[in-house]
Amino acid sequence: MSKWRCTVCGYVHDGANPPEKCPKCGAPAEKFEQVDEERVKLIDRSRLSNYLHQELYSLLERVKEVGARGEQDNLDPGCVGIFRKAQ
């Protein structure tokens, strides 16, 4: 699949053709340039990296929540220590 970059704002569109107008800044299709294959690979890797970053952030937030609940339970000193570290 081709990628097209808006030369006005940098928005990247995936598709066989550029959009009629940029959804970010409203620039017309003529302001889009096709992205070369090397840059397409970099964009795809960047999107994957961003996805993984957000996934990890969400998991770490969940770990923090579980740690707080475990610390509040306060049953076992060894567990409480791990719960505190998790936070």
PDB file of N, CA and C in Angstrom:
ATOM      1  N   MET A   1       0.838  -1.176   0.000  1.00  0.00           N
ATOM      2  CA  MET A   1       0.000   0.000   0.000  1.00  0.00           C
ATOM      3  C   MET A   1       0.889   1.247   0.000  1.00  0.00           C
ATOM      4  N   SER A   2       0.537   2.201  -0.790  1.00  0.00           N
ATOM      5  CA  SER A   2       1.294   3.447  -0.874  1.00  0.00           C
ATOM      6  C   SER A   2       0.997   4.351   0.309  1.00  0.00           C
ATOM      7  N   LYS A   3       1.929   5.231   0.571  1.00  0.00           N
ATOM      8  CA  LYS A   3       1.748   6.255   1.591  1.00  0.00           C
ATOM      9  C   LYS A   3       1.987   7.612   0.932  1.00  0.00           C
ATOM     10  N   TRP A   4       1.217   8.589   1.363  1.00  0.00           N
ATOM     11  CA  TRP A   4       1.294   9.943   0.837  1.00  0.00           C
ATOM     12  C   TRP A   4       1.465  10.902   1.999  1.00  0.00           C
ATOM     13  N   ARG A   5       2.401  11.844   1.871  1.00  0.00           N
ATOM     14  CA  ARG A   5       2.665  12.805   2.931  1.00  0.00           C
ATOM     15  C   ARG A   5       2.240  14.196   2.498  1.00  0.00           C
ATOM     16  N   CYS A   6       1.489  14.858   3.382  1.00  0.00           N
ATOM     17  CA  CYS A   6       1.084  16.243   3.129  1.00  0.00           C
ATOM     18  C   CYS A   6       2.312  17.122   3.328  1.00  0.00           C
ATOM     19  N   THR A   7       2.663  17.901   2.320  1.00  0.00           N
ATOM     20  CA  THR A   7       3.840  18.768   2.416  1.00  0.00           C
ATOM     21  C   THR A   7       3.567  20.020   3.245  1.00  0.00           C
ATOM     22  N   VAL A   8       2.321  20.235   3.605  1.00  0.00           N
ATOM     23  CA  VAL A   8       1.966  21.397   4.425  1.00  0.00           C
ATOM     24  C   VAL A   8       2.125  21.076   5.918  1.00  0.00           C
ATOM     25  N   CYS A   9       1.533  19.943   6.349  1.00  0.00           N
ATOM     26  CA  CYS A   9       1.533  19.642   7.790  1.00  0.00           C
ATOM     27  C   CYS A   9       2.237  18.340   8.167  1.00  0.00           C
ATOM     28  N   GLY A  10       2.589  17.497   7.185  1.00  0.00           N
ATOM     29  CA  GLY A  10       3.288  16.247   7.474  1.00  0.00           C
ATOM     30  C   GLY A  10       2.400  15.045   7.703  1.00  0.00           C
ATOM     31  N   TYR A  11       1.085  15.229   7.643  1.00  0.00           N
ATOM     32  CA  TYR A  11       0.156  14.101   7.811  1.00  0.00           C
ATOM     33  C   TYR A  11       0.478  13.016   6.780  1.00  0.00           C
ATOM     34  N   VAL A  12       0.436  11.742   7.205  1.00  0.00           N
ATOM     35  CA  VAL A  12       0.705  10.614   6.309  1.00  0.00           C
ATOM     36  C   VAL A  12      -0.591   9.848   6.074  1.00  0.00           C
ATOM     37  N   HIS A  13      -0.927   9.677   4.796  1.00  0.00           N
ATOM     38  CA  HIS A  13      -2.139   8.967   4.372  1.00  0.00           C
ATOM     39  C   HIS A  13      -1.746   7.645   3.741  1.00  0.00           C
ATOM     40  N   ASP A  14      -2.452   6.571   4.116  1.00  0.00           N
ATOM     41  CA  ASP A  14      -2.251   5.257   3.508  1.00  0.00           C
ATOM     42  C   ASP A  14      -3.315   5.049   2.453  1.00  0.00           C
ATOM     43  N   GLY A  15      -2.906   4.692   1.244  1.00  0.00           N
ATOM     44  CA  GLY A  15      -3.866   4.435   0.179  1.00  0.00           C
ATOM     45  C   GLY A  15      -3.215   4.479  -1.181  1.00  0.00           C
ATOM     46  N   ALA A  16      -3.951   4.041  -2.179  1.00  0.00           N
ATOM     47  CA  ALA A  16      -3.442   4.025  -3.551  1.00  0.00           C
ATOM     48  C   ALA A  16      -3.245   5.436  -4.090  1.00  0.00           C
ATOM     49  N   ASN A  17      -4.047   6.381  -3.598  1.00  0.00           N
ATOM     50  CA  ASN A  17      -3.980   7.776  -4.038  1.00  0.00           C
ATOM     51  C   ASN A  17      -4.055   8.698  -2.829  1.00  0.00           C
ATOM     52  N   PRO A  18      -3.595   9.923  -2.988  1.00  0.00           N
ATOM     53  CA  PRO A  18      -3.729  10.862  -1.861  1.00  0.00           C
ATOM     54  C   PRO A  18      -5.208  11.213  -1.657  1.00  0.00           C
ATOM     55  N   PRO A  19      -5.565  11.667  -0.456  1.00  0.00           N
ATOM     56  CA  PRO A  19      -6.949  12.076  -0.236  1.00  0.00           C
ATOM     57  C   PRO A  19      -7.247  13.364  -0.999  1.00  0.00           C
ATOM     58  N   GLU A  20      -8.528  13.646  -1.211  1.00  0.00           N
ATOM     59  CA  GLU A  20      -8.905  14.877  -1.915  1.00  0.00           C
ATOM     60  C   GLU A  20      -8.443  16.108  -1.145  1.00  0.00           C
ATOM     61  N   LYS A  21      -8.491  16.014   0.174  1.00  0.00           N
ATOM     62  CA  LYS A  21      -7.930  17.082   0.994  1.00  0.00           C
ATOM     63  C   LYS A  21      -7.403  16.474   2.283  1.00  0.00           C
ATOM     64  N   CYS A  22      -6.430  17.115   2.846  1.00  0.00           N
ATOM     65  CA  CYS A  22      -5.792  16.625   4.068  1.00  0.00           C
ATOM     66  C   CYS A  22      -6.777  16.727   5.228  1.00  0.00           C
ATOM     67  N   PRO A  23      -6.977  15.615   5.947  1.00  0.00           N
ATOM     68  CA  PRO A  23      -7.909  15.651   7.075  1.00  0.00           C
ATOM     69  C   PRO A  23      -7.383  16.467   8.257  1.00  0.00           C
ATOM     70  N   LYS A  24      -6.079  16.724   8.254  1.00  0.00           N
ATOM     71  CA  LYS A  24      -5.487  17.473   9.362  1.00  0.00           C
ATOM     72  C   LYS A  24      -5.493  18.978   9.108  1.00  0.00           C
ATOM     73  N   CYS A  25      -5.069  19.390   7.913  1.00  0.00           N
ATOM     74  CA  CYS A  25      -4.933  20.834   7.658  1.00  0.00           C
ATOM     75  C   CYS A  25      -5.808  21.353   6.518  1.00  0.00           C
ATOM     76  N   GLY A  26      -6.432  20.430   5.762  1.00  0.00           N
ATOM     77  CA  GLY A  26      -7.317  20.844   4.677  1.00  0.00           C
ATOM     78  C   GLY A  26      -6.619  21.122   3.357  1.00  0.00           C
ATOM     79  N   ALA A  27      -5.314  20.877   3.262  1.00  0.00           N
ATOM     80  CA  ALA A  27      -4.588  21.109   2.013  1.00  0.00           C
ATOM     81  C   ALA A  27      -5.132  20.201   0.909  1.00  0.00           C
ATOM     82  N   PRO A  28      -5.134  20.662  -0.357  1.00  0.00           N
ATOM     83  CA  PRO A  28      -5.646  19.852  -1.467  1.00  0.00           C
ATOM     84  C   PRO A  28      -4.697  18.699  -1.806  1.00  0.00           C
ATOM     85  N   ALA A  29      -5.198  17.736  -2.582  1.00  0.00           N
ATOM     86  CA  ALA A  29      -4.428  16.546  -2.961  1.00  0.00           C
ATOM     87  C   ALA A  29      -3.097  16.897  -3.618  1.00  0.00           C
ATOM     88  N   GLU A  30      -3.055  18.024  -4.327  1.00  0.00           N
ATOM     89  CA  GLU A  30      -1.824  18.425  -5.023  1.00  0.00           C
ATOM     90  C   GLU A  30      -0.664  18.690  -4.051  1.00  0.00           C
ATOM     91  N   LYS A  31      -0.975  18.902  -2.790  1.00  0.00           N
ATOM     92  CA  LYS A  31       0.066  19.176  -1.793  1.00  0.00           C
ATOM     93  C   LYS A  31       0.644  17.901  -1.183  1.00  0.00           C
ATOM     94  N   PHE A  32       0.173  16.731  -1.663  1.00  0.00           N
ATOM     95  CA  PHE A  32       0.689  15.458  -1.166  1.00  0.00           C
ATOM     96  C   PHE A  32       1.784  14.943  -2.088  1.00  0.00           C
ATOM     97  N   GLU A  33       2.781  14.299  -1.483  1.00  0.00           N
ATOM     98  CA  GLU A  33       3.824  13.633  -2.263  1.00  0.00           C
ATOM     99  C   GLU A  33       3.883  12.176  -1.825  1.00  0.00           C
ATOM    100  N   GLN A  34       4.156  11.302  -2.785  1.00  0.00           N
ATOM    101  CA  GLN A  34       4.251   9.887  -2.470  1.00  0.00           C
ATOM    102  C   GLN A  34       5.535   9.629  -1.691  1.00  0.00           C
ATOM    103  N   VAL A  35       5.425   8.800  -0.677  1.00  0.00           N
ATOM    104  CA  VAL A  35       6.561   8.477   0.189  1.00  0.00           C
ATOM    105  C   VAL A  35       7.337   7.316  -0.428  1.00  0.00           C
ATOM    106  N   ASP A  36       8.679   7.432  -0.448  1.00  0.00           N
ATOM    107  CA  ASP A  36       9.503   6.368  -1.021  1.00  0.00           C
ATOM    108  C   ASP A  36       9.520   5.138  -0.103  1.00  0.00           C
ATOM    109  N   GLU A  37       9.869   3.988  -0.673  1.00  0.00           N
ATOM    110  CA  GLU A  37       9.790   2.702   0.028  1.00  0.00           C
ATOM    111  C   GLU A  37      10.614   2.669   1.316  1.00  0.00           C
ATOM    112  N   GLU A  38      11.794   3.259   1.306  1.00  0.00           N
ATOM    113  CA  GLU A  38      12.633   3.258   2.507  1.00  0.00           C
ATOM    114  C   GLU A  38      11.943   4.001   3.646  1.00  0.00           C
ATOM    115  N   ARG A  39      11.335   5.113   3.314  1.00  0.00           N
ATOM    116  CA  ARG A  39      10.626   5.907   4.323  1.00  0.00           C
ATOM    117  C   ARG A  39       9.326   5.212   4.760  1.00  0.00           C
ATOM    118  N   VAL A  40       8.684   4.482   3.848  1.00  0.00           N
ATOM    119  CA  VAL A  40       7.485   3.714   4.201  1.00  0.00           C
ATOM    120  C   VAL A  40       7.837   2.704   5.296  1.00  0.00           C
ATOM    121  N   LYS A  41       8.957   2.023   5.130  1.00  0.00           N
ATOM    122  CA  LYS A  41       9.389   1.051   6.138  1.00  0.00           C
ATOM    123  C   LYS A  41       9.630   1.733   7.481  1.00  0.00           C
ATOM    124  N   LEU A  42      10.237   2.894   7.460  1.00  0.00           N
ATOM    125  CA  LEU A  42      10.499   3.643   8.685  1.00  0.00           C
ATOM    126  C   LEU A  42       9.193   4.085   9.346  1.00  0.00           C
ATOM    127  N   ILE A  43       8.240   4.543   8.550  1.00  0.00           N
ATOM    128  CA  ILE A  43       6.935   4.957   9.085  1.00  0.00           C
ATOM    129  C   ILE A  43       6.235   3.760   9.730  1.00  0.00           C
ATOM    130  N   ASP A  44       6.256   2.608   9.050  1.00  0.00           N
ATOM    131  CA  ASP A  44       5.617   1.411   9.597  1.00  0.00           C
ATOM    132  C   ASP A  44       6.276   0.981  10.908  1.00  0.00           C
ATOM    133  N   ARG A  45       7.604   1.041  10.956  1.00  0.00           N
ATOM    134  CA  ARG A  45       8.323   0.693  12.192  1.00  0.00           C
ATOM    135  C   ARG A  45       7.996   1.692  13.292  1.00  0.00           C
ATOM    136  N   SER A  46       7.897   2.947  12.938  1.00  0.00           N
ATOM    137  CA  SER A  46       7.560   3.983  13.916  1.00  0.00           C
ATOM    138  C   SER A  46       6.167   3.760  14.487  1.00  0.00           C
ATOM    139  N   ARG A  47       5.230   3.406  13.624  1.00  0.00           N
ATOM    140  CA  ARG A  47       3.865   3.127  14.089  1.00  0.00           C
ATOM    141  C   ARG A  47       3.849   1.925  15.031  1.00  0.00           C
ATOM    142  N   LEU A  48       4.621   0.879  14.696  1.00  0.00           N
ATOM    143  CA  LEU A  48       4.713  -0.289  15.569  1.00  0.00           C
ATOM    144  C   LEU A  48       5.315   0.100  16.918  1.00  0.00           C
ATOM    145  N   SER A  49       6.384   0.864  16.875  1.00  0.00           N
ATOM    146  CA  SER A  49       7.033   1.295  18.111  1.00  0.00           C
ATOM    147  C   SER A  49       6.079   2.113  18.981  1.00  0.00           C
ATOM    148  N   ASN A  50       5.315   2.999  18.363  1.00  0.00           N
ATOM    149  CA  ASN A  50       4.343   3.799  19.112  1.00  0.00           C
ATOM    150  C   ASN A  50       3.264   2.910  19.722  1.00  0.00           C
ATOM    151  N   TYR A  51       2.802   1.920  18.949  1.00  0.00           N
ATOM    152  CA  TYR A  51       1.796   0.984  19.464  1.00  0.00           C
ATOM    153  C   TYR A  51       2.353   0.226  20.675  1.00  0.00           C
ATOM    154  N   LEU A  52       3.576  -0.292  20.553  1.00  0.00           N
ATOM    155  CA  LEU A  52       4.183  -1.047  21.648  1.00  0.00           C
ATOM    156  C   LEU A  52       4.389  -0.161  22.876  1.00  0.00           C
ATOM    157  N   HIS A  53       4.770   1.076  22.648  1.00  0.00           N
ATOM    158  CA  HIS A  53       4.950   2.029  23.750  1.00  0.00           C
ATOM    159  C   HIS A  53       3.637   2.223  24.504  1.00  0.00           C
ATOM    160  N   GLN A  54       2.563   2.446  23.775  1.00  0.00           N
ATOM    161  CA  GLN A  54       1.259   2.639  24.410  1.00  0.00           C
ATOM    162  C   GLN A  54       0.791   1.371  25.124  1.00  0.00           C
ATOM    163  N   GLU A  55       1.045   0.230  24.518  1.00  0.00           N
ATOM    164  CA  GLU A  55       0.671  -1.043  25.139  1.00  0.00           C
ATOM    165  C   GLU A  55       1.410  -1.231  26.459  1.00  0.00           C
ATOM    166  N   LEU A  56       2.708  -0.963  26.446  1.00  0.00           N
ATOM    167  CA  LEU A  56       3.509  -1.105  27.661  1.00  0.00           C
ATOM    168  C   LEU A  56       3.063  -0.109  28.722  1.00  0.00           C
ATOM    169  N   TYR A  57       2.798   1.112  28.320  1.00  0.00           N
ATOM    170  CA  TYR A  57       2.326   2.132  29.265  1.00  0.00           C
ATOM    171  C   TYR A  57       1.024   1.682  29.930  1.00  0.00           C
ATOM    172  N   SER A  58       0.103   1.124  29.144  1.00  0.00           N
ATOM    173  CA  SER A  58      -1.172   0.642  29.686  1.00  0.00           C
ATOM    174  C   SER A  58      -0.952  -0.500  30.677  1.00  0.00           C
ATOM    175  N   LEU A  59      -0.053  -1.410  30.324  1.00  0.00           N
ATOM    176  CA  LEU A  59       0.245  -2.525  31.231  1.00  0.00           C
ATOM    177  C   LEU A  59       0.866  -2.033  32.531  1.00  0.00           C
ATOM    178  N   LEU A  60       1.762  -1.070  32.438  1.00  0.00           N
ATOM    179  CA  LEU A  60       2.403  -0.544  33.642  1.00  0.00           C
ATOM    180  C   LEU A  60       1.403   0.200  34.532  1.00  0.00           C
ATOM    181  N   GLU A  61       0.444   0.875  33.923  1.00  0.00           N
ATOM    182  CA  GLU A  61      -0.615   1.508  34.705  1.00  0.00           C
ATOM    183  C   GLU A  61      -1.419   0.450  35.450  1.00  0.00           C
ATOM    184  N   ARG A  62      -1.680  -0.659  34.782  1.00  0.00           N
ATOM    185  CA  ARG A  62      -2.421  -1.758  35.414  1.00  0.00           C
ATOM    186  C   ARG A  62      -1.619  -2.346  36.568  1.00  0.00           C
ATOM    187  N   VAL A  63      -0.308  -2.520  36.386  1.00  0.00           N
ATOM    188  CA  VAL A  63       0.564  -3.032  37.451  1.00  0.00           C
ATOM    189  C   VAL A  63       0.498  -2.098  38.660  1.00  0.00           C
ATOM    190  N   LYS A  64       0.522  -0.820  38.396  1.00  0.00           N
ATOM    191  CA  LYS A  64       0.443   0.182  39.471  1.00  0.00           C
ATOM    192  C   LYS A  64      -0.873   0.043  40.250  1.00  0.00           C
ATOM    193  N   GLU A  65      -1.973  -0.137  39.537  1.00  0.00           N
ATOM    194  CA  GLU A  65      -3.284  -0.303  40.184  1.00  0.00           C
ATOM    195  C   GLU A  65      -3.326  -1.570  41.043  1.00  0.00           C
ATOM    196  N   VAL A  66      -2.806  -2.663  40.508  1.00  0.00           N
ATOM    197  CA  VAL A  66      -2.788  -3.919  41.252  1.00  0.00           C
ATOM    198  C   VAL A  66      -1.905  -3.781  42.489  1.00  0.00           C
ATOM    199  N   GLY A  67      -0.781  -3.106  42.331  1.00  0.00           N
ATOM    200  CA  GLY A  67       0.107  -2.876  43.474  1.00  0.00           C
ATOM    201  C   GLY A  67      -0.574  -2.094  44.579  1.00  0.00           C
ATOM    202  N   ALA A  68      -1.329  -1.086  44.214  1.00  0.00           N
ATOM    203  CA  ALA A  68      -2.037  -0.278  45.213  1.00  0.00           C
ATOM    204  C   ALA A  68      -3.084  -1.119  45.943  1.00  0.00           C
ATOM    205  N   ARG A  69      -3.811  -1.952  45.207  1.00  0.00           N
ATOM    206  CA  ARG A  69      -4.815  -2.820  45.847  1.00  0.00           C
ATOM    207  C   ARG A  69      -4.153  -3.816  46.791  1.00  0.00           C
ATOM    208  N   GLY A  70      -3.030  -4.378  46.348  1.00  0.00           N
ATOM    209  CA  GLY A  70      -2.319  -5.337  47.197  1.00  0.00           C
ATOM    210  C   GLY A  70      -1.764  -4.692  48.450  1.00  0.00           C
ATOM    211  N   GLU A  71      -1.267  -3.477  48.319  1.00  0.00           N
ATOM    212  CA  GLU A  71      -0.744  -2.772  49.486  1.00  0.00           C
ATOM    213  C   GLU A  71      -1.870  -2.459  50.475  1.00  0.00           C
ATOM    214  N   GLN A  72      -3.024  -2.085  49.956  1.00  0.00           N
ATOM    215  CA  GLN A  72      -4.173  -1.811  50.828  1.00  0.00           C
ATOM    216  C   GLN A  72      -4.619  -3.067  51.571  1.00  0.00           C
ATOM    217  N   ASP A  73      -4.527  -4.215  50.920  1.00  0.00           N
ATOM    218  CA  ASP A  73      -4.900  -5.473  51.562  1.00  0.00           C
ATOM    219  C   ASP A  73      -3.982  -5.760  52.742  1.00  0.00           C
ATOM    220  N   ASN A  74      -2.694  -5.486  52.587  1.00  0.00           N
ATOM    221  CA  ASN A  74      -1.714  -5.511  53.672  1.00  0.00           C
ATOM    222  C   ASN A  74      -1.727  -6.809  54.485  1.00  0.00           C
ATOM    223  N   LEU A  75      -1.793  -7.949  53.792  1.00  0.00           N
ATOM    224  CA  LEU A  75      -1.852  -9.220  54.510  1.00  0.00           C
ATOM    225  C   LEU A  75      -0.468  -9.783  54.808  1.00  0.00           C
ATOM    226  N   ASP A  76       0.377  -9.840  53.808  1.00  0.00           N
ATOM    227  CA  ASP A  76       1.674 -10.505  53.938  1.00  0.00           C
ATOM    228  C   ASP A  76       2.791  -9.495  53.698  1.00  0.00           C
ATOM    229  N   PRO A  77       3.722  -9.334  54.659  1.00  0.00           N
ATOM    230  CA  PRO A  77       4.786  -8.331  54.497  1.00  0.00           C
ATOM    231  C   PRO A  77       5.620  -8.522  53.227  1.00  0.00           C
ATOM    232  N   GLY A  78       5.909  -9.761  52.851  1.00  0.00           N
ATOM    233  CA  GLY A  78       6.673 -10.010  51.633  1.00  0.00           C
ATOM    234  C   GLY A  78       5.924  -9.554  50.386  1.00  0.00           C
ATOM    235  N   CYS A  79       4.646  -9.831  50.369  1.00  0.00           N
ATOM    236  CA  CYS A  79       3.817  -9.405  49.237  1.00  0.00           C
ATOM    237  C   CYS A  79       3.684  -7.889  49.207  1.00  0.00           C
ATOM    238  N   VAL A  80       3.500  -7.286  50.370  1.00  0.00           N
ATOM    239  CA  VAL A  80       3.352  -5.826  50.435  1.00  0.00           C
ATOM    240  C   VAL A  80       4.591  -5.144  49.859  1.00  0.00           C
ATOM    241  N   GLY A  81       5.765  -5.704  50.122  1.00  0.00           N
ATOM    242  CA  GLY A  81       6.996  -5.144  49.562  1.00  0.00           C
ATOM    243  C   GLY A  81       6.982  -5.157  48.039  1.00  0.00           C
ATOM    244  N   ILE A  82       6.522  -6.243  47.467  1.00  0.00           N
ATOM    245  CA  ILE A  82       6.426  -6.340  46.003  1.00  0.00           C
ATOM    246  C   ILE A  82       5.363  -5.383  45.480  1.00  0.00           C
ATOM    247  N   PHE A  83       4.241  -5.282  46.189  1.00  0.00           N
ATOM    248  CA  PHE A  83       3.197  -4.367  45.774  1.00  0.00           C
ATOM    249  C   PHE A  83       3.710  -2.920  45.760  1.00  0.00           C
ATOM    250  N   ARG A  84       4.508  -2.560  46.751  1.00  0.00           N
ATOM    251  CA  ARG A  84       5.078  -1.205  46.801  1.00  0.00           C
ATOM    252  C   ARG A  84       6.041  -0.969  45.632  1.00  0.00           C
ATOM    253  N   LYS A  85       6.854  -1.968  45.336  1.00  0.00           N
ATOM    254  CA  LYS A  85       7.778  -1.851  44.196  1.00  0.00           C
ATOM    255  C   LYS A  85       7.013  -1.698  42.890  1.00  0.00           C
ATOM    256  N   ALA A  86       5.892  -2.374  42.790  1.00  0.00           N
ATOM    257  CA  ALA A  86       5.087  -2.313  41.573  1.00  0.00           C
ATOM    258  C   ALA A  86       4.552  -0.910  41.326  1.00  0.00           C
ATOM    259  N   GLN A  87       4.345  -0.187  42.415  1.00  0.00           N
ATOM    260  CA  GLN A  87       3.811   1.166  42.274  1.00  0.00           C
ATOM    261  C   GLN A  87       4.907   2.130  41.894  1.00  0.00           C
TER     262      GLN A  87
END
